[in-house]
Each structure stands twice: as structure tokens, then as C-alpha cells.
Amino acid sequence: MKKSEIIANCLVNMDIGMNATDAETRVQQIFVEEFPDDSYHLWNTDVDNALAHDLIKQVGRASKINVRLFILDLW
């Protein structure tokens, strides 16, 4: 699973009316805004599926997710 998909899944699980496609687009937008000197495509690598699902489970249905910090955590 790609890093952006992990964050997108967590955003969708927040149940704020965002679908997976919109959530992934938003992750990319935030990455570009917050890290203009870095490559989104180089950052957005695959993560082991077991780890990805564990991260999604840990975040659960959080009421707030700081996408910038989540991106940094997955770097």
C-alpha cells in the first residue's frame, strides 16, 4: 500500500464525507504545499501491507488528523 493510501484511508475513516480518491488528492496537495522542495512521487513509496493496516487500525476513527505530521511520520 502506498503511503498516500494509508493517510487517505485514515481520512475516509474519519467519516467527514471524503471518498478515497478525494482523500488521496488532498494528501498530494498538502504534500506539495508543505514540502515544495521534495518529490511527492519519491516519498509515496509502498509500505508493507501488514504495517499499513496496523497504522490504519491504530489511527481508527480519529476526530482530527494532522496530515503534515502524518506525512513526516511516514518519511
Protein backbone atom coordinates (compact mmCIF):
# COMPACT_ATOMS: atom_id res chain seq x y z
CA MET A 1 0.00 0.00 0.00
CA LYS A 2 1.30 3.47 -0.87
CA LYS A 3 1.91 5.99 1.91
CA SER A 4 -0.74 8.29 0.46
CA GLU A 5 -3.27 5.44 0.57
CA ILE A 6 -2.61 4.90 4.27
CA ILE A 7 -3.30 8.55 5.08
CA ALA A 8 -6.28 8.62 2.70
CA ASN A 9 -7.81 5.57 4.39
CA CYS A 10 -7.47 7.28 7.75
CA LEU A 11 -9.13 10.43 6.39
CA VAL A 12 -12.00 8.38 4.94
CA ASN A 13 -12.41 6.60 8.29
CA MET A 14 -12.95 9.98 9.95
CA ASP A 15 -16.35 9.88 8.22
CA ILE A 16 -16.30 13.50 7.09
CA GLY A 17 -17.77 12.74 3.68
CA MET A 18 -14.50 12.32 1.83
CA ASN A 19 -14.02 9.41 -0.57
CA ALA A 20 -10.69 7.65 -1.12
CA THR A 21 -9.90 9.45 -4.38
CA ASP A 22 -10.56 12.89 -2.90
CA ALA A 23 -8.57 11.99 0.20
CA GLU A 24 -5.53 10.88 -1.82
CA THR A 25 -5.74 14.06 -3.89
CA ARG A 26 -5.82 16.11 -0.70
CA VAL A 27 -2.78 14.28 0.68
CA GLN A 28 -0.88 15.11 -2.51
CA GLN A 29 -1.96 18.76 -2.35
CA ILE A 30 -0.82 19.07 1.26
CA PHE A 31 2.49 17.40 0.45
CA VAL A 32 3.17 19.85 -2.39
CA GLU A 33 2.18 22.84 -0.22
CA GLU A 34 4.17 21.78 2.85
CA PHE A 35 7.21 20.25 1.16
CA PRO A 36 7.70 22.19 -2.10
CA ASP A 37 11.35 21.16 -2.44
CA ASP A 38 10.66 17.43 -2.15
CA SER A 39 9.23 14.91 -4.60
CA TYR A 40 5.79 13.53 -3.83
CA HIS A 41 6.45 10.54 -6.08
CA LEU A 42 9.73 9.69 -4.36
CA TRP A 43 8.05 9.96 -0.95
CA ASN A 44 4.94 7.99 -1.91
CA THR A 45 6.53 4.54 -1.81
CA ASP A 46 4.99 1.21 -0.90
CA VAL A 47 4.67 0.23 2.74
CA ASP A 48 4.32 -3.37 3.88
CA ASN A 49 0.59 -4.20 3.89
CA ALA A 50 0.62 -5.55 7.44
CA LEU A 51 2.25 -2.35 8.70
CA ALA A 52 -0.15 -0.22 6.63
CA HIS A 53 -3.21 -1.95 8.06
CA ASP A 54 -1.78 -1.69 11.57
CA LEU A 55 -1.30 2.08 11.14
CA ILE A 56 -4.84 2.49 9.83
CA LYS A 57 -6.17 0.44 12.76
CA GLN A 58 -4.15 2.49 15.29
CA VAL A 59 -5.49 5.78 13.95
CA GLY A 60 -9.01 4.33 13.89
CA ARG A 61 -11.72 6.93 13.65
CA ALA A 62 -9.68 9.84 14.92
CA SER A 63 -11.57 13.11 15.11
CA LYS A 64 -8.55 15.03 13.84
CA ILE A 65 -5.57 14.05 11.70
CA ASN A 66 -2.62 16.36 11.07
CA VAL A 67 -1.75 15.29 7.52
CA ARG A 68 1.56 17.18 7.52
CA LEU A 69 2.75 15.32 10.62
CA PHE A 70 1.44 12.02 9.26
CA ILE A 71 3.49 12.60 6.08
CA LEU A 72 6.58 13.25 8.20
CA ASP A 73 5.92 10.14 10.29
CA LEU A 74 5.86 8.02 7.13
CA TRP A 75 9.03 9.56 5.68
